[in-house]
N, C-alpha and C. Protein backbone atom coordinates (compact mmCIF):
# COMPACT_ATOMS: atom_id res chain seq x y z
N MET A 1 172.60 238.10 131.24
CA MET A 1 174.08 238.49 131.14
C MET A 1 174.76 237.59 130.08
N SER A 2 175.39 238.29 129.23
CA SER A 2 176.08 237.34 128.18
C SER A 2 177.49 237.21 128.52
N VAL A 3 178.02 236.23 128.03
CA VAL A 3 179.53 236.02 128.29
C VAL A 3 180.17 236.52 126.84
N GLN A 4 181.04 237.33 126.97
CA GLN A 4 181.89 237.73 125.91
C GLN A 4 183.25 237.35 125.83
N MET A 5 184.00 236.81 124.91
CA MET A 5 185.14 236.28 124.70
C MET A 5 185.94 237.40 123.75
N VAL A 6 187.06 237.82 124.10
CA VAL A 6 187.98 238.65 123.27
C VAL A 6 188.90 237.73 122.27
N LEU A 7 188.75 237.97 121.03
CA LEU A 7 189.48 237.00 120.44
C LEU A 7 190.82 237.89 119.73
N ALA A 8 191.58 237.13 118.89
CA ALA A 8 192.77 237.76 118.24
C ALA A 8 192.39 239.03 117.64
N GLY A 9 193.04 239.98 117.91
CA GLY A 9 192.79 241.28 116.95
C GLY A 9 191.53 242.21 117.73
N GLY A 10 191.13 241.67 118.71
CA GLY A 10 190.28 242.33 119.66
C GLY A 10 188.79 242.33 119.47
N ALA A 11 188.35 241.38 118.47
CA ALA A 11 187.13 241.17 117.97
C ALA A 11 186.45 240.39 119.32
N GLU A 12 185.11 240.52 119.51
CA GLU A 12 184.53 240.06 120.56
C GLU A 12 183.34 239.07 119.84
N SER A 13 183.14 237.85 120.65
CA SER A 13 181.97 237.17 120.17
C SER A 13 181.70 236.21 121.41
N MET A 14 180.33 235.90 121.39
CA MET A 14 179.76 235.15 122.53
C MET A 14 180.38 233.71 122.31
N SER A 15 180.81 233.00 123.44
CA SER A 15 181.30 231.72 123.35
C SER A 15 180.09 230.87 122.83
N ASN A 16 180.68 229.85 122.08
CA ASN A 16 179.54 228.99 121.47
C ASN A 16 178.91 228.08 122.67
N LEU A 17 179.58 227.76 123.53
CA LEU A 17 179.08 226.91 124.68
C LEU A 17 177.94 227.68 125.37
N GLU A 18 178.40 229.07 125.74
CA GLU A 18 177.20 229.98 126.39
C GLU A 18 176.02 230.12 125.45
N GLU A 19 176.34 230.12 124.15
CA GLU A 19 175.20 230.40 123.16
C GLU A 19 174.39 229.14 123.09
N ASP A 20 174.87 227.96 123.20
CA ASP A 20 174.25 226.85 123.08
C ASP A 20 173.57 226.32 124.24
N LEU A 21 174.33 226.53 125.23
CA LEU A 21 173.73 225.93 126.34
C LEU A 21 174.12 227.04 127.74
N PRO A 22 173.40 228.02 127.56
CA PRO A 22 173.64 229.20 128.62
C PRO A 22 173.32 228.57 129.91
N HIS A 23 172.47 227.81 130.29
CA HIS A 23 172.20 227.39 131.63
C HIS A 23 173.04 226.22 132.13
N LEU A 24 173.80 225.61 131.24
CA LEU A 24 174.76 224.53 131.79
C LEU A 24 176.20 225.11 131.45
N ALA A 25 176.68 225.85 130.54
CA ALA A 25 178.01 226.26 130.42
C ALA A 25 179.02 226.17 131.44
N VAL A 26 178.56 226.76 132.63
CA VAL A 26 179.59 227.11 133.70
C VAL A 26 179.65 225.59 134.13
N SER A 27 178.56 224.87 134.45
CA SER A 27 178.73 223.62 134.97
C SER A 27 179.65 222.47 133.93
N ILE A 28 179.50 222.80 132.87
CA ILE A 28 180.35 222.08 131.96
C ILE A 28 181.83 222.23 132.09
N ARG A 29 182.07 223.54 132.04
CA ARG A 29 183.33 223.87 132.05
C ARG A 29 184.01 223.61 133.30
N ALA A 30 183.34 223.60 134.51
CA ALA A 30 183.76 223.38 135.75
C ALA A 30 184.01 221.66 135.89
N ALA A 31 183.39 221.02 135.05
CA ALA A 31 183.48 219.44 135.07
C ALA A 31 184.44 218.96 134.25
N LEU A 32 184.81 219.70 133.32
CA LEU A 32 185.71 219.19 132.22
C LEU A 32 187.21 218.49 132.90
N PRO A 33 187.84 219.01 133.64
CA PRO A 33 189.16 218.39 134.11
C PRO A 33 189.00 217.13 134.82
N ASP A 34 187.81 216.93 135.44
CA ASP A 34 187.62 215.64 136.20
C ASP A 34 186.81 214.60 135.56
N ASN A 35 186.29 214.91 134.30
CA ASN A 35 185.31 214.05 133.60
C ASN A 35 185.79 213.69 132.10
N THR A 36 186.54 212.57 131.86
CA THR A 36 186.97 212.16 130.71
C THR A 36 185.88 212.13 129.54
N THR A 37 184.76 211.50 129.76
CA THR A 37 183.88 211.47 128.76
C THR A 37 183.47 212.73 128.47
N LEU A 38 183.07 213.84 129.43
CA LEU A 38 182.69 214.93 129.01
C LEU A 38 183.79 215.84 128.21
N SER A 39 184.90 215.71 128.51
CA SER A 39 185.99 216.35 127.87
C SER A 39 186.28 216.01 126.28
N GLU A 40 185.96 214.63 126.29
CA GLU A 40 186.09 214.20 124.73
C GLU A 40 184.76 214.80 124.06
N ALA A 41 183.41 214.77 124.60
CA ALA A 41 182.57 215.26 123.98
C ALA A 41 182.70 216.92 123.87
N TYR A 42 183.25 217.53 124.69
CA TYR A 42 183.58 218.88 124.54
C TYR A 42 184.45 219.22 123.36
N ALA A 43 185.54 218.35 123.28
CA ALA A 43 186.58 218.41 122.17
C ALA A 43 185.71 218.31 120.66
N ASP A 44 184.67 217.29 120.84
CA ASP A 44 184.15 217.14 119.55
C ASP A 44 183.16 218.32 119.16
N TYR A 45 182.71 218.81 120.23
CA TYR A 45 181.93 220.19 120.08
C TYR A 45 182.70 221.10 119.46
N GLU A 46 183.84 221.40 119.90
CA GLU A 46 184.80 222.56 119.47
C GLU A 46 185.08 222.27 118.12
N VAL A 47 185.42 220.87 117.69
CA VAL A 47 185.58 220.83 116.29
C VAL A 47 184.51 221.11 115.54
N ALA A 48 183.33 220.69 115.78
CA ALA A 48 182.09 221.01 115.14
C ALA A 48 181.90 222.42 114.98
N CYS A 49 182.07 223.29 116.04
CA CYS A 49 181.92 224.64 115.84
C CYS A 49 183.19 225.43 114.97
N GLN A 50 184.37 224.94 114.99
CA GLN A 50 185.32 225.45 114.03
C GLN A 50 184.96 225.10 112.55
N ASN A 51 184.44 223.78 112.35
CA ASN A 51 184.17 223.51 110.93
C ASN A 51 182.70 224.13 110.55
N GLN A 52 181.89 224.40 111.41
CA GLN A 52 180.72 225.07 110.84
C GLN A 52 181.04 226.46 110.75
N ASN A 53 182.13 226.96 111.18
CA ASN A 53 182.49 228.46 110.82
C ASN A 53 183.74 228.62 109.90
N ALA A 54 184.00 227.53 109.21
CA ALA A 54 185.14 227.48 108.27
C ALA A 54 184.63 228.35 107.02
N PRO A 55 185.49 229.26 106.59
CA PRO A 55 185.04 230.23 105.48
C PRO A 55 184.97 229.43 104.16
N ASP A 56 185.71 228.27 103.99
CA ASP A 56 185.80 227.81 102.68
C ASP A 56 184.89 226.53 102.38
N ILE A 57 183.83 226.31 103.29
CA ILE A 57 182.86 225.13 102.92
C ILE A 57 181.74 225.70 102.13
N SER A 58 180.86 224.48 101.75
CA SER A 58 179.75 224.68 100.94
C SER A 58 178.44 224.99 101.97
N ASP A 59 177.37 225.68 101.58
CA ASP A 59 176.29 225.50 102.50
C ASP A 59 175.90 224.25 102.98
N ALA A 60 175.92 223.28 102.23
CA ALA A 60 175.69 221.73 102.47
C ALA A 60 176.34 221.56 103.54
N GLU A 61 177.73 221.64 103.60
CA GLU A 61 178.78 221.28 104.63
C GLU A 61 178.48 221.88 105.89
N ARG A 62 178.10 223.33 105.73
CA ARG A 62 177.84 224.21 106.84
C ARG A 62 176.48 223.59 107.47
N ALA A 63 175.78 223.33 106.82
CA ALA A 63 174.26 222.81 107.46
C ALA A 63 174.61 221.38 108.22
N GLU A 64 175.40 220.63 107.58
CA GLU A 64 175.84 219.37 108.29
C GLU A 64 176.55 219.71 109.51
N TRP A 65 177.68 220.48 109.56
CA TRP A 65 178.23 220.63 110.67
C TRP A 65 177.32 221.44 111.86
N THR A 66 176.39 222.20 111.32
CA THR A 66 175.51 222.94 112.35
C THR A 66 174.54 221.76 112.99
N ARG A 67 174.29 220.73 112.28
CA ARG A 67 173.53 219.75 112.76
C ARG A 67 174.28 218.86 113.81
N ILE A 68 175.58 218.70 113.48
CA ILE A 68 176.49 217.85 114.35
C ILE A 68 176.59 218.59 115.73
N ARG A 69 177.02 220.05 115.46
CA ARG A 69 177.24 220.74 116.82
C ARG A 69 175.75 220.77 117.58
N ARG A 70 174.66 220.94 117.11
CA ARG A 70 173.51 220.99 117.80
C ARG A 70 173.38 219.23 118.53
N GLU A 71 173.97 218.17 117.83
CA GLU A 71 173.99 216.88 118.40
C GLU A 71 174.92 216.77 119.60
N VAL A 72 175.86 217.16 119.42
CA VAL A 72 177.09 217.11 120.51
C VAL A 72 176.70 218.15 121.45
N ALA A 73 176.07 219.31 121.26
CA ALA A 73 175.67 220.00 122.33
C ALA A 73 174.57 219.25 123.26
N ASP A 74 173.67 218.65 122.72
CA ASP A 74 172.72 217.81 123.21
C ASP A 74 173.35 216.66 124.24
N GLU A 75 174.37 216.08 123.69
CA GLU A 75 175.13 215.33 124.53
C GLU A 75 175.68 215.70 125.51
N LEU A 76 176.44 216.99 125.36
CA LEU A 76 177.03 217.71 126.65
C LEU A 76 176.18 217.93 127.69
N ALA A 77 175.05 218.29 127.32
CA ALA A 77 173.76 218.66 128.26
C ALA A 77 173.63 217.29 129.10
N ARG A 78 173.33 216.05 128.36
CA ARG A 78 173.08 214.66 128.94
C ARG A 78 174.18 214.30 129.91
N LEU A 79 175.57 214.51 129.45
CA LEU A 79 176.65 214.08 130.27
C LEU A 79 176.66 214.90 131.38
N CYS A 80 176.35 216.25 131.41
CA CYS A 80 176.60 217.11 132.64
C CYS A 80 175.36 216.55 133.53
N GLN A 81 174.39 216.49 132.95
CA GLN A 81 173.21 216.09 133.99
C GLN A 81 173.36 214.74 134.65
N ARG A 82 174.08 213.73 133.86
CA ARG A 82 174.33 212.42 134.46
C ARG A 82 175.42 212.65 135.54
N ALA A 83 176.41 213.72 135.05
CA ALA A 83 177.69 213.86 136.24
C ALA A 83 177.03 214.55 137.64
N LYS A 84 175.95 215.29 137.54
CA LYS A 84 175.40 215.97 138.51
C LYS A 84 174.62 214.84 139.06
N GLU A 85 174.07 214.02 138.65
CA GLU A 85 173.11 213.01 139.47
C GLU A 85 173.82 212.05 140.19
N SER A 86 175.04 211.85 139.51
CA SER A 86 176.24 210.85 140.38
C SER A 86 176.92 211.25 141.44
N LYS A 87 176.46 212.65 141.68
CA LYS A 87 177.43 213.21 142.81
C LYS A 87 176.45 213.18 144.18
């Protein structure tokens, strides 16, 4: 099952979080309101996703933002796991 989001103008795109962490996306979204550290990491993740998709950047910049996106996604996974373990 893929998660589709309708964007402005009716365009559909899979959510970045569901694409990168399909097995944790629901848990991460559920934990955001109560977990400041996770919320901050998610904000960084959103910035990386936006910058990676910016139309006016070089290939080298895009590659760097892609690397950062992966690193922050990994951090989101670790933080989500840590939150589950502390319950």
